Each structure stands twice: as C-alpha cells, then as structure tokens.
Amino acid sequence: MGIQGHLTARSLILCAASGLLFLSVSAFAQVAPETEAEEGVIPFALPQSGPFTPADIDIENNQAISDWFRSAHANAAADAFSHWDDDGEIRPACATCHSGEGFRDFHGLDGTSAGVVDGPINVGGVVDCGTCHHSGLSEITEITFPSGLVHPVTGVEASCLTCHQGRTAGVDVVEATDGLAVDEPNEELRFINPHYATAAATWLGGYGGAGYHYEGHEYSGRFFHARPVESCNSCHEPHTLEVAFEPCLTCHEANSLQDIRIARQSYDGSGNTSVGIRSDIEANAERLMDMLRTYMDDVVGAPGIYDANRWPYFFADANGDGAVDMVDGDPIPYNAWTPRSLRTAYNWRLVTSDPGNYAHNPQYSLELLYDAMEDLSEPLGIDMEDLDLLR
C-alpha cells in the first residue's frame, strides 16, 4: 500500500486561484504514531499547518537581504543602472560592472567564454546576490587591471576589484601624448576619464599603475594597512556598504574616519596637523585644479571649465566668461589639450574620483597631486619651495 492509502478521501484538497495551484496542508491526515509503517513506505512528514504571515517565516539571511536592498548596489533607479534603459540593453563595455548578468557573462560564470561580454545584457539589472555569492567566484584567481597588471584574488575580491579598478590607466595617457610637444594644443587629444569609484585602483597604488607616473619619480605601492583591515570586506560591510569605524579606534584617535591622520607633517603647506589626512589631499587637489585653469588661460590661451555633472567634464570657454560654450544647444568639449594639461587633468580626476582616497591609499594620492603641481609649476613660473608642500 502506497502513501495514498494512508490518506482519507478528504485529505487532498486542490484549488486553483489566480492561475496557481495551492495544496491545503491542514487537510492532510498523518499516519498515527502507533501505526507501524509498512516496509518500503517513506513516512509522510508534514509542516505545521498555516495560514502564515510573512513575519512568521524565518529567513536566515533576511537582514543581509534587507541591508543590500537599501544599498547603492541595489538602487535600480540610479544612473549607474538605469543609464541604458532607453537603449533597451546595456553596452557590453559597461555591462560587466553595471549588471550582475553582465558580470557573470564577463567572467564566464554563465557558461560563456570568460574575458568578454557576449551579450546582449538586459537593462534593469543591479549588483545582485549572484555577483558576489556565485560559487564560480572561487575559480577566479586573478584580475587584469587597465594598466595590464594581473593581480591575484580569492573569493569575493574578484567582484570588488573587477568593478572598482577604473577603465583607464596612466599608460593610456602616455600612448595618447607620445611624441607630441608638451605645451602645444592638439585637437586630436581628448580627455581620458579614469571612470568612477576607483577604490581598487587607488588601493594598489603605483603597483597597480592607475595614475600617470612622471618620469624619474617613484610611487608608493599597494596600501598595506593593519592585517585585520587589509581587505575590502574587512572595512566595508558587504551588504550595507557602510564603513566600520570602531576598529579604527584600536590604533587611531579620531571622531570620524575623515579625521584620521597618518602623518605628523603637513602636505598641503598649511602646517595644520590637527586635521585628517583627507584635508591635505583635498587642499592639494583644489590647488592643482586652480593651477590647471591658470595654465589653460595663460599658457595655452584656451580657457576651460570643469563640470562634474556631465561628460566629458571639461568644456570650452573661449571668451573666458565663465560659461560653457554652446553650439546648437549642446556644450562644446574642451579641445585644446596639451600633453601637460591632459596628464594633469587625468591624475586630478583619478584622485578625486575615489572619495575614500584618504583611507585607500593617501600616500599615492598625495604623490600624484604633488607631481602634477610640480609639472605645471615650470610653465607657470611657480617656485615649488614657496608653496611649502610635501610629496
């Protein structure tokens, strides 16, 4: 006698509603405890009868899902994920980091060839669970950076370093400006954008080769922090993306992350060492941008304007009136780049594209800014010693 023999005629109640088939668990008659199960018959165990409310259902990772859902990684309405909605699909060059589907395609986790997005990739995707929890991540052992560096990774590091490495490197600036007169505008030159949220590129420093490295200078490598906080997930809660501050207090006395200072000397010429190292980086970045604008105005004779809210960020201002030049209602991109101004703008953008540069690799950030200022000081006739800066 099969399982059916243990159920009464009223035991099976099937009802169709809204196209779905529901099984009424409460109607089942279970085998009485004293009834000896026949040989070959599997005991029929049933869950507690319903109905249930969502609050009654225990989901082990419910908090993680809730945290992720409220994070930037899950914000489908953000431009990072909705930018291609009108196109109907995400461009392959962008899909790797702007869709979980594209990420899995790029790394071959969906069964396709690794190293390329075969596409098409549907719009509407985000950095989903499968981007960081796919079992295939354990098989990814290295990530290639835009500089050509092949860096070893383990586990979820593959996700972080794939999408926070930027899309260009200093070698791209070198190739674009090779053989050109350093202070002569060239209409063929275009701004080279490092991209956004370049934390991994900053973190690896000179070893990663993200920045334009000036000849004759050495650059700090990967920023090795204290061993307990040397990975992405050791500082960033992986679902909320928030940074844990309490572990920092083990070694640093500060009221916030931004107040932490790693050196007793001043890098920005202010002499103020009571503030966080972020202050020095921001001050030097602001000074560098001022020098770049002066260089465009006085040396090149072609003023430009930086607008962080629209690509390609640098625009023409031929008459120097402080307004972006327009043609047929569209802004005119800056087209008087020299090798010197291009490499300056690139390094400035790389440093400022990582809002956590002060934690990811402050020394490398300061070096890139200092060397760019030193490079501009020559045509501007500025004595670097007068600025009282440190590299």
Protein backbone atom coordinates (compact mmCIF):
# COMPACT_ATOMS: atom_id res chain seq x y z
CA MET A 1 0.00 0.00 0.00
CA GLY A 2 1.40 3.41 -1.03
CA ILE A 3 1.20 6.78 0.66
CA GLN A 4 -2.17 7.32 -0.91
CA GLY A 5 -3.51 4.52 1.24
CA HIS A 6 -2.75 6.48 4.38
CA LEU A 7 -4.82 9.46 3.31
CA THR A 8 -8.56 9.77 3.56
CA ALA A 9 -10.69 10.89 0.66
CA ARG A 10 -10.91 14.39 2.14
CA SER A 11 -7.16 14.57 2.61
CA LEU A 12 -6.36 16.03 -0.80
CA ILE A 13 -7.87 19.41 -1.42
CA LEU A 14 -6.68 21.16 -4.53
CA CYS A 15 -7.87 24.58 -5.52
CA ALA A 16 -6.93 26.86 -8.38
CA ALA A 17 -6.70 30.57 -7.70
CA SER A 18 -5.20 33.24 -9.92
CA GLY A 19 -3.70 30.58 -12.12
CA LEU A 20 -1.78 28.97 -9.22
CA LEU A 21 -2.36 25.58 -7.64
CA PHE A 22 -2.49 25.53 -3.84
CA LEU A 23 -2.21 22.46 -1.63
CA SER A 24 -4.08 22.68 1.68
CA VAL A 25 -1.62 21.21 4.14
CA SER A 26 -4.03 21.33 7.06
CA ALA A 27 -6.31 18.80 5.41
CA PHE A 28 -3.78 16.00 5.38
CA ALA A 29 -4.30 13.13 7.83
CA GLN A 30 -0.92 11.96 9.04
CA VAL A 31 -0.09 8.41 9.96
CA ALA A 32 -0.96 7.80 13.60
CA PRO A 33 2.12 7.45 15.81
CA GLU A 34 1.10 3.94 16.83
CA THR A 35 0.67 2.83 13.23
CA GLU A 36 3.58 0.71 12.11
CA ALA A 37 4.93 1.91 8.78
CA GLU A 38 4.87 -0.73 6.10
CA GLU A 39 8.13 -1.90 4.57
CA GLY A 40 9.30 0.35 1.74
CA VAL A 41 6.95 3.18 2.67
CA ILE A 42 8.59 6.57 3.43
CA PRO A 43 7.00 8.28 6.48
CA PHE A 44 4.95 11.25 5.35
CA ALA A 45 6.13 14.25 7.42
CA LEU A 46 4.20 17.50 7.03
CA PRO A 47 4.94 21.04 8.22
CA GLN A 48 2.79 22.86 10.71
CA SER A 49 -0.47 23.93 9.13
CA GLY A 50 -1.00 27.55 8.05
CA PRO A 51 -2.03 30.13 7.18
CA PHE A 52 1.23 32.02 7.74
CA THR A 53 2.09 35.70 7.81
CA PRO A 54 5.41 36.99 6.42
CA ALA A 55 6.58 37.81 9.95
CA ASP A 56 6.21 34.17 10.93
CA ILE A 57 8.58 32.93 8.23
CA ASP A 58 12.16 32.80 9.42
CA ILE A 59 14.65 33.65 6.65
CA GLU A 60 18.21 33.12 7.83
CA ASN A 61 19.73 35.87 5.65
CA ASN A 62 16.77 38.22 5.86
CA GLN A 63 18.85 41.03 7.41
CA ALA A 64 21.53 40.75 4.74
CA ILE A 65 18.90 40.95 2.01
CA SER A 66 17.28 43.94 3.66
CA ASP A 67 20.65 45.71 4.03
CA TRP A 68 21.54 45.03 0.41
CA PHE A 69 18.16 46.21 -0.83
CA ARG A 70 18.75 49.62 0.78
CA SER A 71 22.31 49.94 -0.52
CA ALA A 72 23.58 51.69 -3.65
CA HIS A 73 24.32 48.30 -5.20
CA ALA A 74 20.59 47.58 -5.38
CA ASN A 75 19.35 51.00 -6.46
CA ALA A 76 17.92 50.19 -9.89
CA ALA A 77 16.77 53.80 -10.31
CA ALA A 78 20.32 55.19 -10.03
CA ASP A 79 22.01 56.31 -13.22
CA ALA A 80 24.60 53.59 -12.71
CA PHE A 81 21.92 51.02 -13.57
CA SER A 82 19.24 52.96 -15.46
CA HIS A 83 21.50 54.87 -17.87
CA TRP A 84 20.81 52.40 -20.70
CA ASP A 85 17.06 51.98 -20.20
CA ASP A 86 16.18 53.88 -23.36
CA ASP A 87 18.61 51.73 -25.36
CA GLY A 88 16.92 48.50 -24.35
CA GLU A 89 20.18 46.80 -23.44
CA ILE A 90 23.45 47.63 -21.69
CA ARG A 91 26.50 48.13 -23.88
CA PRO A 92 28.96 45.23 -23.47
CA ALA A 93 31.78 47.59 -22.41
CA CYS A 94 29.64 48.78 -19.49
CA ALA A 95 27.69 45.66 -18.63
CA THR A 96 30.43 43.94 -16.63
CA CYS A 97 30.01 46.29 -13.68
CA HIS A 98 26.55 47.72 -14.22
CA SER A 99 24.62 44.46 -14.14
CA GLY A 100 25.00 41.20 -12.29
CA GLU A 101 24.13 39.44 -15.54
CA GLY A 102 26.95 41.24 -17.32
CA PHE A 103 29.42 40.43 -14.53
CA ARG A 104 28.67 36.73 -14.78
CA ASP A 105 28.91 36.89 -18.57
CA PHE A 106 32.32 38.61 -18.43
CA HIS A 107 33.79 36.04 -16.06
CA GLY A 108 32.18 33.09 -17.85
CA LEU A 109 30.06 32.18 -14.83
CA ASP A 110 27.06 31.77 -17.12
CA GLY A 111 28.78 29.19 -19.29
CA THR A 112 30.03 31.64 -21.92
CA SER A 113 33.66 32.45 -22.68
CA ALA A 114 35.45 34.43 -19.96
CA GLY A 115 37.05 37.79 -20.60
CA VAL A 116 34.35 39.23 -22.82
CA VAL A 117 30.67 40.12 -22.55
CA ASP A 118 28.85 38.24 -25.29
CA GLY A 119 25.55 39.99 -24.59
CA PRO A 120 23.08 41.29 -25.14
CA ILE A 121 22.65 42.23 -21.49
CA ASN A 122 19.19 43.24 -20.37
CA VAL A 123 18.53 46.56 -18.66
CA GLY A 124 17.16 46.65 -15.14
CA GLY A 125 19.92 44.64 -13.52
CA VAL A 126 21.92 45.67 -10.45
CA VAL A 127 24.82 44.32 -8.42
CA ASP A 128 22.77 41.35 -7.30
CA CYS A 129 23.43 38.43 -4.96
CA GLY A 130 24.95 36.34 -7.73
CA THR A 131 27.59 38.98 -8.36
CA CYS A 132 29.26 38.33 -5.02
CA HIS A 133 27.92 34.91 -3.96
CA HIS A 134 28.22 32.87 -7.16
CA SER A 135 30.02 29.59 -6.45
CA GLY A 136 32.14 30.14 -9.55
CA LEU A 137 33.95 33.06 -7.91
CA SER A 138 36.19 30.54 -6.16
CA GLU A 139 37.61 29.61 -9.55
CA ILE A 140 38.64 33.18 -10.42
CA THR A 141 42.26 33.52 -9.31
CA GLU A 142 43.35 36.77 -10.97
CA ILE A 143 42.00 40.08 -12.22
CA THR A 144 43.56 42.13 -15.01
CA PHE A 145 43.72 45.89 -14.49
CA PRO A 146 43.64 48.59 -17.21
CA SER A 147 47.39 49.07 -16.75
CA GLY A 148 47.95 45.45 -17.76
CA LEU A 149 48.67 44.34 -14.20
CA VAL A 150 47.42 40.84 -13.42
CA HIS A 151 46.59 40.76 -9.71
CA PRO A 152 45.83 37.55 -7.74
CA VAL A 153 42.47 37.38 -5.96
CA THR A 154 40.49 35.00 -3.83
CA GLY A 155 36.73 34.70 -3.50
CA VAL A 156 34.65 37.87 -3.42
CA GLU A 157 37.77 40.00 -4.06
CA ALA A 158 37.12 39.22 -7.71
CA SER A 159 33.85 41.16 -7.56
CA CYS A 160 35.29 44.19 -5.79
CA LEU A 161 38.44 44.51 -7.89
CA THR A 162 36.69 43.89 -11.20
CA CYS A 163 34.35 46.82 -10.78
CA HIS A 164 36.38 49.35 -8.80
CA GLN A 165 39.55 49.40 -10.89
CA GLY A 166 38.55 52.17 -13.30
CA ARG A 167 38.62 51.78 -17.06
CA THR A 168 41.88 53.52 -17.98
CA ALA A 169 45.42 53.81 -16.66
CA GLY A 170 48.43 56.06 -16.92
CA VAL A 171 49.68 54.08 -19.91
CA ASP A 172 46.69 55.35 -21.90
CA VAL A 173 47.81 58.93 -21.29
CA VAL A 174 51.38 58.03 -22.26
CA GLU A 175 50.23 56.46 -25.53
CA ALA A 176 47.92 59.38 -26.37
CA THR A 177 50.62 62.02 -25.85
CA ASP A 178 53.68 60.15 -27.11
CA GLY A 179 55.86 62.28 -29.39
CA LEU A 180 53.78 65.45 -29.01
CA ALA A 181 55.14 68.84 -27.96
CA VAL A 182 54.37 69.08 -24.27
CA ASP A 183 52.80 72.57 -24.27
CA GLU A 184 51.24 72.71 -27.74
CA PRO A 185 47.46 72.18 -28.07
CA ASN A 186 46.48 69.24 -30.22
CA GLU A 187 42.89 68.91 -31.46
CA GLU A 188 43.30 65.14 -31.68
CA LEU A 189 43.70 64.85 -27.91
CA ARG A 190 40.61 64.09 -25.85
CA PHE A 191 40.12 63.93 -22.11
CA ILE A 192 40.86 60.45 -20.76
CA ASN A 193 38.50 59.60 -17.94
CA PRO A 194 39.63 57.13 -15.25
CA HIS A 195 35.93 56.41 -14.59
CA TYR A 196 34.27 56.35 -11.17
CA ALA A 197 34.60 54.84 -7.69
CA THR A 198 38.19 53.83 -8.41
CA ALA A 199 38.91 52.46 -4.94
CA ALA A 200 40.82 49.38 -6.08
CA ALA A 201 42.98 51.44 -8.43
CA THR A 202 43.87 53.78 -5.56
CA TRP A 203 44.45 50.92 -3.15
CA LEU A 204 47.04 49.21 -5.34
CA GLY A 205 48.88 52.49 -5.88
CA GLY A 206 51.96 52.54 -8.08
CA TYR A 207 51.89 48.76 -8.26
CA GLY A 208 48.52 48.97 -9.98
CA GLY A 209 49.68 51.72 -12.35
CA ALA A 210 46.38 53.58 -12.44
CA GLY A 211 47.90 57.06 -12.35
CA TYR A 212 50.12 58.86 -14.81
CA HIS A 213 53.60 58.34 -13.42
CA TYR A 214 56.03 61.15 -14.10
CA GLU A 215 59.44 60.12 -15.34
CA GLY A 216 62.09 59.94 -12.66
CA HIS A 217 59.63 59.55 -9.77
CA GLU A 218 58.87 56.55 -7.63
CA TYR A 219 55.37 55.83 -6.36
CA SER A 220 54.03 54.10 -3.27
CA GLY A 221 52.63 50.66 -3.97
CA ARG A 222 49.67 48.84 -2.52
CA PHE A 223 48.50 50.37 0.74
CA PHE A 224 49.09 47.69 3.36
CA HIS A 225 47.04 48.51 6.42
CA ALA A 226 46.92 46.65 9.70
CA ARG A 227 46.36 42.97 8.99
CA PRO A 228 42.78 42.77 10.34
CA VAL A 229 41.71 45.57 7.98
CA GLU A 230 43.57 44.80 4.78
CA SER A 231 40.70 43.70 2.55
CA CYS A 232 37.57 45.34 1.15
CA ASN A 233 35.18 43.40 3.37
CA SER A 234 37.22 43.97 6.50
CA CYS A 235 36.34 47.68 6.32
CA HIS A 236 33.14 47.78 4.28
CA GLU A 237 30.06 45.88 5.43
CA PRO A 238 29.40 43.94 2.22
CA HIS A 239 25.63 44.45 2.17
CA THR A 240 25.09 47.96 3.56
CA LEU A 241 28.46 49.13 2.11
CA GLU A 242 28.94 51.18 5.25
CA VAL A 243 32.44 51.53 6.68
CA ALA A 244 33.04 50.25 10.20
CA PHE A 245 34.71 52.98 12.24
CA GLU A 246 35.09 51.24 15.57
CA PRO A 247 38.03 49.00 14.51
CA CYS A 248 39.94 52.15 13.53
CA LEU A 249 39.89 53.33 17.13
CA THR A 250 42.22 50.49 18.07
CA CYS A 251 45.08 52.49 16.58
CA HIS A 252 43.70 55.94 15.76
CA GLU A 253 42.32 58.67 17.98
CA ALA A 254 39.63 60.42 15.95
CA ASN A 255 35.98 61.34 15.96
CA SER A 256 35.37 60.08 12.42
CA LEU A 257 37.09 58.34 9.55
CA GLN A 258 37.73 61.69 7.90
CA ASP A 259 39.57 62.92 11.00
CA ILE A 260 42.19 60.17 10.94
CA ARG A 261 45.69 61.38 10.19
CA ILE A 262 48.50 59.05 9.17
CA ALA A 263 51.40 61.52 9.38
CA ARG A 264 52.78 64.19 11.67
CA GLN A 265 53.80 66.51 8.85
CA SER A 266 51.71 68.81 6.72
CA TYR A 267 51.50 68.03 2.99
CA ASP A 268 49.39 70.99 1.89
CA GLY A 269 51.55 73.81 3.22
CA SER A 270 49.07 74.77 5.94
CA GLY A 271 51.14 73.36 8.77
CA ASN A 272 47.94 72.08 10.35
CA THR A 273 48.36 68.51 11.55
CA SER A 274 45.31 68.51 13.81
CA VAL A 275 43.02 67.55 10.92
CA GLY A 276 42.68 64.31 9.00
CA ILE A 277 44.92 63.49 6.04
CA ARG A 278 41.84 63.89 3.85
CA SER A 279 42.14 67.64 4.39
CA ASP A 280 45.64 67.69 2.88
CA ILE A 281 44.51 65.68 -0.15
CA GLU A 282 41.51 67.91 -0.77
CA ALA A 283 43.56 71.09 -0.38
CA ASN A 284 46.21 69.88 -2.84
CA ALA A 285 43.55 68.72 -5.31
CA GLU A 286 41.94 72.17 -5.18
CA ARG A 287 45.31 73.86 -5.66
CA LEU A 288 46.09 71.62 -8.62
CA MET A 289 42.79 72.46 -10.31
CA ASP A 290 43.48 76.17 -9.84
CA MET A 291 46.90 75.72 -11.43
CA LEU A 292 45.38 73.79 -14.33
CA ARG A 293 42.87 76.54 -15.02
CA THR A 294 45.66 79.14 -14.96
CA TYR A 295 47.71 77.01 -17.34
CA MET A 296 44.78 76.75 -19.76
CA ASP A 297 44.22 80.51 -19.60
CA ASP A 298 47.74 81.89 -19.63
CA VAL A 299 49.94 79.27 -21.28
CA VAL A 300 47.60 77.61 -23.77
CA GLY A 301 45.36 80.64 -24.27
CA ALA A 302 42.24 78.47 -24.30
CA PRO A 303 40.19 78.70 -21.08
CA GLY A 304 38.25 75.67 -19.99
CA ILE A 305 35.54 74.80 -17.47
CA TYR A 306 35.15 71.66 -15.41
CA ASP A 307 31.58 70.39 -14.90
CA ALA A 308 31.33 67.28 -12.74
CA ASN A 309 27.72 66.67 -13.74
CA ARG A 310 28.14 65.93 -17.44
CA TRP A 311 30.53 64.02 -19.63
CA PRO A 312 33.26 64.69 -20.80
CA TYR A 313 33.54 67.05 -17.79
CA PHE A 314 35.90 69.59 -19.36
CA PHE A 315 34.32 72.14 -21.71
CA ALA A 316 35.42 75.09 -23.80
CA ASP A 317 35.10 78.68 -22.61
CA ALA A 318 36.77 80.52 -25.48
CA ASN A 319 35.90 84.04 -24.30
CA GLY A 320 36.70 83.29 -20.65
CA ASP A 321 33.33 84.49 -19.39
CA GLY A 322 32.94 81.57 -17.02
CA ALA A 323 30.14 79.96 -19.05
CA VAL A 324 30.42 76.79 -21.12
CA ASP A 325 30.43 77.47 -24.86
CA MET A 326 27.40 76.02 -26.64
CA VAL A 327 26.56 75.11 -30.22
CA ASP A 328 23.03 74.13 -31.23
CA GLY A 329 22.16 73.77 -27.58
CA ASP A 330 24.99 71.35 -26.81
CA PRO A 331 28.12 72.09 -24.75
CA ILE A 332 31.42 72.15 -26.62
CA PRO A 333 34.00 69.74 -25.14
CA TYR A 334 37.39 71.24 -24.36
CA ASN A 335 39.59 70.67 -27.44
CA ALA A 336 42.84 72.47 -26.67
CA TRP A 337 44.53 69.77 -24.64
CA THR A 338 48.30 69.68 -24.43
CA PRO A 339 50.18 66.63 -23.16
CA ARG A 340 50.93 68.54 -19.95
CA SER A 341 47.34 69.57 -19.27
CA LEU A 342 45.94 66.16 -20.20
CA ARG A 343 48.15 64.26 -17.78
CA THR A 344 47.38 66.82 -15.08
CA ALA A 345 43.63 66.54 -15.58
CA TYR A 346 43.84 62.76 -15.67
CA ASN A 347 45.64 62.47 -12.33
CA TRP A 348 43.40 65.06 -10.73
CA ARG A 349 40.31 63.19 -11.85
CA LEU A 350 41.72 59.83 -10.75
CA VAL A 351 42.39 61.05 -7.22
CA THR A 352 39.08 62.89 -6.84
CA SER A 353 37.05 60.02 -8.34
CA ASP A 354 37.76 57.98 -5.23
CA PRO A 355 36.04 59.68 -2.27
CA GLY A 356 37.82 57.25 0.04
CA ASN A 357 41.32 58.03 -1.25
CA TYR A 358 42.39 59.15 2.23
CA ALA A 359 41.79 55.61 3.50
CA HIS A 360 42.54 53.52 0.42
CA ASN A 361 45.99 54.97 -0.30
CA PRO A 362 46.62 58.53 0.93
CA GLN A 363 50.33 58.48 0.11
CA TYR A 364 49.80 57.55 -3.54
CA SER A 365 47.08 60.19 -3.87
CA LEU A 366 49.37 62.88 -2.46
CA GLU A 367 52.23 61.82 -4.74
CA LEU A 368 50.12 62.06 -7.89
CA LEU A 369 48.87 65.52 -6.94
CA TYR A 370 52.30 66.83 -5.95
CA ASP A 371 53.99 65.63 -9.14
CA ALA A 372 51.28 67.19 -11.29
CA MET A 373 51.68 70.52 -9.48
CA GLU A 374 55.43 70.32 -9.88
CA ASP A 375 54.99 69.64 -13.59
CA LEU A 376 52.74 72.68 -14.04
CA SER A 377 54.95 74.93 -11.94
CA GLU A 378 57.55 75.14 -14.70
CA PRO A 379 55.47 76.83 -17.42
CA LEU A 380 53.61 78.86 -14.76
CA GLY A 381 56.84 80.16 -13.26
CA ILE A 382 55.99 78.94 -9.77
CA ASP A 383 58.68 78.04 -7.25
CA MET A 384 57.53 74.83 -5.57
CA GLU A 385 59.55 75.61 -2.46
CA ASP A 386 57.46 78.71 -1.93
CA LEU A 387 54.34 76.53 -1.68
CA ASP A 388 55.87 74.62 1.25
CA LEU A 389 54.31 71.35 0.10
CA LEU A 390 55.48 67.84 0.83
CA ARG A 391 55.30 64.92 -1.57
